[in-house]
N, C-alpha and C. Protein backbone atom coordinates (compact mmCIF):
# COMPACT_ATOMS: atom_id res chain seq x y z
N MET A 1 -24.15 3.31 8.78
CA MET A 1 -23.15 3.71 9.77
C MET A 1 -23.25 2.77 10.97
N MET A 2 -22.11 2.40 11.48
CA MET A 2 -22.10 1.52 12.64
C MET A 2 -22.52 2.27 13.89
N THR A 3 -23.04 1.54 14.85
CA THR A 3 -23.44 2.14 16.12
C THR A 3 -22.19 2.38 16.97
N GLN A 4 -22.37 3.13 18.03
CA GLN A 4 -21.28 3.41 18.97
C GLN A 4 -20.70 2.11 19.52
N HIS A 5 -21.57 1.19 19.91
CA HIS A 5 -21.13 -0.09 20.46
C HIS A 5 -20.35 -0.89 19.41
N GLU A 6 -20.86 -0.93 18.18
CA GLU A 6 -20.17 -1.63 17.09
C GLU A 6 -18.80 -1.00 16.82
N PHE A 7 -18.74 0.33 16.89
CA PHE A 7 -17.49 1.05 16.69
C PHE A 7 -16.45 0.64 17.73
N VAL A 8 -16.82 0.68 18.99
CA VAL A 8 -15.89 0.33 20.07
C VAL A 8 -15.42 -1.12 19.90
N ASP A 9 -16.36 -2.02 19.65
CA ASP A 9 -16.00 -3.43 19.44
C ASP A 9 -15.05 -3.60 18.26
N ALA A 10 -15.32 -2.88 17.17
CA ALA A 10 -14.48 -2.99 15.97
C ALA A 10 -13.08 -2.46 16.22
N ILE A 11 -12.97 -1.32 16.89
CA ILE A 11 -11.66 -0.74 17.19
C ILE A 11 -10.85 -1.71 18.05
N ILE A 12 -11.47 -2.26 19.08
CA ILE A 12 -10.77 -3.19 19.97
C ILE A 12 -10.37 -4.46 19.22
N SER A 13 -11.26 -4.97 18.41
CA SER A 13 -10.98 -6.19 17.64
C SER A 13 -9.82 -5.98 16.67
N VAL A 14 -9.84 -4.87 15.94
CA VAL A 14 -8.76 -4.59 14.99
C VAL A 14 -7.45 -4.37 15.73
N ALA A 15 -7.48 -3.66 16.86
CA ALA A 15 -6.26 -3.45 17.65
C ALA A 15 -5.66 -4.79 18.07
N GLN A 16 -6.51 -5.70 18.55
CA GLN A 16 -6.03 -7.03 18.94
C GLN A 16 -5.42 -7.76 17.75
N SER A 17 -6.08 -7.67 16.60
CA SER A 17 -5.57 -8.38 15.41
C SER A 17 -4.24 -7.81 14.95
N LYS A 18 -3.96 -6.55 15.29
CA LYS A 18 -2.69 -5.93 14.95
C LYS A 18 -1.63 -6.16 16.02
N GLY A 19 -1.99 -6.92 17.06
CA GLY A 19 -1.02 -7.29 18.08
C GLY A 19 -0.95 -6.39 19.31
N TYR A 20 -1.87 -5.44 19.42
CA TYR A 20 -1.88 -4.58 20.60
C TYR A 20 -2.56 -5.30 21.75
N LEU A 21 -2.01 -5.15 22.93
CA LEU A 21 -2.58 -5.76 24.12
C LEU A 21 -3.87 -5.05 24.49
N VAL A 22 -4.91 -5.81 24.72
CA VAL A 22 -6.19 -5.26 25.19
C VAL A 22 -6.42 -5.82 26.58
N GLU A 23 -6.62 -4.91 27.53
CA GLU A 23 -6.79 -5.28 28.93
C GLU A 23 -8.14 -4.81 29.43
N ASN A 24 -8.59 -5.38 30.53
CA ASN A 24 -9.78 -4.89 31.21
C ASN A 24 -9.33 -3.92 32.29
N SER A 25 -10.05 -2.81 32.40
CA SER A 25 -9.77 -1.82 33.43
C SER A 25 -11.08 -1.38 34.05
N ARG A 26 -11.00 -0.50 35.00
CA ARG A 26 -12.24 -0.01 35.63
C ARG A 26 -13.09 0.79 34.65
N ASN A 27 -12.46 1.24 33.54
CA ASN A 27 -13.16 1.99 32.50
C ASN A 27 -13.52 1.11 31.31
N GLY A 28 -13.58 -0.19 31.51
CA GLY A 28 -13.86 -1.13 30.43
C GLY A 28 -12.57 -1.61 29.80
N LYS A 29 -12.68 -2.10 28.60
CA LYS A 29 -11.49 -2.58 27.89
C LYS A 29 -10.63 -1.39 27.49
N GLN A 30 -9.31 -1.63 27.45
CA GLN A 30 -8.40 -0.58 27.02
C GLN A 30 -7.31 -1.17 26.13
N ILE A 31 -6.88 -0.36 25.18
CA ILE A 31 -5.83 -0.76 24.24
C ILE A 31 -4.53 -0.16 24.74
N ASP A 32 -3.50 -1.01 24.87
CA ASP A 32 -2.18 -0.57 25.33
C ASP A 32 -1.31 -0.29 24.11
N PHE A 33 -0.92 0.97 23.96
CA PHE A 33 -0.06 1.37 22.85
C PHE A 33 1.39 1.53 23.30
N GLY A 34 1.78 0.82 24.33
CA GLY A 34 3.14 0.92 24.84
C GLY A 34 3.26 2.05 25.84
N HIS A 35 2.84 1.81 27.03
CA HIS A 35 2.87 2.74 28.16
C HIS A 35 1.74 3.77 28.15
N LYS A 36 1.03 3.90 27.07
CA LYS A 36 -0.13 4.80 27.01
C LYS A 36 -1.31 4.00 26.52
N LYS A 37 -2.47 4.28 27.10
CA LYS A 37 -3.65 3.47 26.80
C LYS A 37 -4.84 4.35 26.42
N LEU A 38 -5.70 3.78 25.59
CA LEU A 38 -7.00 4.38 25.31
C LEU A 38 -8.04 3.38 25.76
N HIS A 39 -8.99 3.83 26.58
CA HIS A 39 -10.03 2.93 27.07
C HIS A 39 -11.36 3.20 26.37
N GLU A 40 -12.32 2.34 26.67
CA GLU A 40 -13.63 2.44 26.01
C GLU A 40 -14.24 3.83 26.14
N GLY A 41 -14.07 4.48 27.28
CA GLY A 41 -14.59 5.83 27.46
C GLY A 41 -14.01 6.81 26.46
N HIS A 42 -12.70 6.69 26.21
CA HIS A 42 -12.07 7.54 25.19
C HIS A 42 -12.65 7.24 23.81
N LEU A 43 -12.78 5.95 23.51
CA LEU A 43 -13.29 5.55 22.19
C LEU A 43 -14.71 6.07 21.97
N ILE A 44 -15.54 5.99 23.00
CA ILE A 44 -16.91 6.48 22.90
C ILE A 44 -16.92 7.98 22.58
N LYS A 45 -16.01 8.73 23.21
CA LYS A 45 -15.94 10.17 22.95
C LYS A 45 -15.45 10.48 21.53
N LEU A 46 -14.69 9.56 20.95
CA LEU A 46 -14.17 9.77 19.59
C LEU A 46 -15.21 9.47 18.51
N TYR A 47 -16.24 8.72 18.87
CA TYR A 47 -17.28 8.32 17.92
C TYR A 47 -18.30 9.44 17.76
N PRO A 48 -18.78 9.74 16.60
CA PRO A 48 -18.45 9.24 15.27
C PRO A 48 -17.40 10.08 14.54
N SER A 49 -16.93 11.16 15.20
CA SER A 49 -16.03 12.11 14.54
C SER A 49 -14.81 11.46 13.90
N ILE A 50 -14.25 10.47 14.58
CA ILE A 50 -13.02 9.85 14.10
C ILE A 50 -13.23 9.04 12.82
N LEU A 51 -14.47 8.70 12.51
CA LEU A 51 -14.78 7.94 11.29
C LEU A 51 -14.97 8.82 10.06
N ALA A 52 -15.06 10.13 10.27
CA ALA A 52 -15.32 11.05 9.16
C ALA A 52 -14.14 11.10 8.20
N THR A 53 -14.44 11.22 6.92
CA THR A 53 -13.39 11.36 5.91
C THR A 53 -12.58 12.61 6.23
N GLY A 54 -11.27 12.47 6.26
CA GLY A 54 -10.39 13.60 6.53
C GLY A 54 -10.28 13.99 7.99
N ALA A 55 -10.78 13.17 8.88
CA ALA A 55 -10.72 13.47 10.31
C ALA A 55 -9.26 13.61 10.75
N ASN A 56 -8.99 14.61 11.58
CA ASN A 56 -7.65 14.78 12.15
C ASN A 56 -7.59 13.94 13.42
N ILE A 57 -7.16 12.71 13.25
CA ILE A 57 -7.20 11.74 14.34
C ILE A 57 -6.33 12.18 15.51
N SER A 58 -5.16 12.75 15.23
CA SER A 58 -4.28 13.21 16.31
C SER A 58 -4.98 14.26 17.17
N SER A 59 -5.61 15.24 16.53
CA SER A 59 -6.32 16.29 17.28
C SER A 59 -7.49 15.73 18.07
N LEU A 60 -8.22 14.81 17.46
CA LEU A 60 -9.35 14.21 18.16
C LEU A 60 -8.89 13.45 19.40
N ILE A 61 -7.83 12.66 19.26
CA ILE A 61 -7.32 11.91 20.42
C ILE A 61 -6.85 12.88 21.49
N GLU A 62 -6.11 13.92 21.10
CA GLU A 62 -5.63 14.90 22.09
C GLU A 62 -6.79 15.58 22.81
N SER A 63 -7.92 15.74 22.14
CA SER A 63 -9.06 16.41 22.77
C SER A 63 -9.73 15.55 23.84
N VAL A 64 -9.62 14.23 23.73
CA VAL A 64 -10.27 13.35 24.72
C VAL A 64 -9.27 12.64 25.62
N ALA A 65 -8.01 12.51 25.17
CA ALA A 65 -6.99 11.79 25.94
C ALA A 65 -5.63 12.43 25.67
N PRO A 66 -5.39 13.61 26.24
CA PRO A 66 -4.14 14.31 25.97
C PRO A 66 -2.91 13.53 26.46
N GLY A 67 -1.79 13.75 25.79
CA GLY A 67 -0.54 13.16 26.23
C GLY A 67 -0.34 11.72 25.80
N ARG A 68 -1.01 11.33 24.73
CA ARG A 68 -0.86 9.95 24.23
C ARG A 68 -0.43 9.94 22.76
N PRO A 69 0.66 10.65 22.42
CA PRO A 69 1.06 10.72 21.01
C PRO A 69 1.42 9.36 20.41
N CYS A 70 1.83 8.41 21.24
CA CYS A 70 2.18 7.08 20.70
C CYS A 70 0.95 6.33 20.20
N SER A 71 -0.24 6.83 20.51
CA SER A 71 -1.46 6.17 20.04
C SER A 71 -1.93 6.71 18.69
N HIS A 72 -1.40 7.84 18.26
CA HIS A 72 -1.93 8.51 17.07
C HIS A 72 -1.74 7.69 15.79
N LYS A 73 -0.52 7.28 15.50
CA LYS A 73 -0.27 6.53 14.26
C LYS A 73 -1.01 5.19 14.27
N PRO A 74 -0.90 4.40 15.36
CA PRO A 74 -1.64 3.14 15.36
C PRO A 74 -3.15 3.34 15.21
N MET A 75 -3.70 4.38 15.83
CA MET A 75 -5.14 4.61 15.72
C MET A 75 -5.52 5.01 14.30
N ARG A 76 -4.66 5.75 13.59
CA ARG A 76 -4.94 6.07 12.18
C ARG A 76 -5.07 4.77 11.39
N GLU A 77 -4.16 3.83 11.63
CA GLU A 77 -4.20 2.54 10.93
C GLU A 77 -5.42 1.72 11.33
N ILE A 78 -5.74 1.72 12.61
CA ILE A 78 -6.90 0.96 13.11
C ILE A 78 -8.19 1.54 12.55
N VAL A 79 -8.31 2.87 12.58
CA VAL A 79 -9.53 3.52 12.07
C VAL A 79 -9.67 3.28 10.57
N ALA A 80 -8.57 3.31 9.83
CA ALA A 80 -8.63 3.04 8.39
C ALA A 80 -9.19 1.64 8.15
N LYS A 81 -8.73 0.68 8.93
CA LYS A 81 -9.22 -0.71 8.79
C LYS A 81 -10.69 -0.79 9.17
N VAL A 82 -11.10 -0.13 10.25
CA VAL A 82 -12.50 -0.14 10.67
C VAL A 82 -13.37 0.51 9.60
N ASN A 83 -12.93 1.62 9.03
CA ASN A 83 -13.69 2.27 7.96
C ASN A 83 -13.84 1.35 6.76
N LYS A 84 -12.78 0.62 6.43
CA LYS A 84 -12.84 -0.32 5.31
C LYS A 84 -13.83 -1.44 5.61
N LEU A 85 -13.77 -1.98 6.83
CA LEU A 85 -14.71 -3.04 7.23
C LEU A 85 -16.15 -2.52 7.21
N ASN A 86 -16.35 -1.29 7.67
CA ASN A 86 -17.68 -0.69 7.71
C ASN A 86 -18.21 -0.49 6.29
N SER A 87 -17.36 -0.03 5.37
CA SER A 87 -17.78 0.15 3.98
C SER A 87 -18.18 -1.17 3.35
N THR A 88 -17.40 -2.21 3.63
CA THR A 88 -17.71 -3.54 3.10
C THR A 88 -19.04 -4.03 3.65
N MET A 89 -19.26 -3.81 4.94
CA MET A 89 -20.51 -4.23 5.58
C MET A 89 -21.70 -3.49 4.97
N LEU A 90 -21.55 -2.19 4.74
CA LEU A 90 -22.63 -1.40 4.15
C LEU A 90 -22.91 -1.82 2.72
N SER A 91 -21.87 -2.15 1.97
CA SER A 91 -22.05 -2.62 0.59
C SER A 91 -22.83 -3.92 0.55
N ARG A 92 -22.51 -4.81 1.46
CA ARG A 92 -23.22 -6.10 1.52
C ARG A 92 -24.69 -5.91 1.88
N LYS A 93 -24.95 -4.97 2.80
CA LYS A 93 -26.34 -4.71 3.19
C LYS A 93 -27.14 -4.15 2.03
N SER A 94 -26.51 -3.31 1.21
CA SER A 94 -27.23 -2.70 0.09
C SER A 94 -27.53 -3.71 -1.01
N LEU A 95 -26.79 -4.81 -1.05
CA LEU A 95 -27.02 -5.85 -2.05
C LEU A 95 -28.19 -6.75 -1.69
N THR A 96 -28.58 -6.74 -0.42
CA THR A 96 -29.67 -7.63 0.00
C THR A 96 -31.01 -6.96 -0.08
C-alpha cells in the first residue's frame, strides 16, 4: 500500500497528466476542477478510504470538502488510475 505522501503525489501527478490545473495555495498544492478545488489537506483526509475497493468517492469527497460535485467524476477517474499504478507497483515489488 502506498503511503499518504505517495498517495497525494500520485493524485496530483495523475490530475496534471489529465490536464487539470494544479496550483500552489496556502494549503499546499490544489487541483482545480473548474471553479472548485481540492487541496492537499482534503486529499490527506481522503486517504486511505478512497483507495478501498467499492469506495463511494462522492460521499467521501462530500465528507471532507462539501459542495464540490464537479470534482466527483474526475476524482473517480484519477483514483482508478492511481489504484492501477499502485497495483502495478506492488506486482513489481513482489517479483523482486
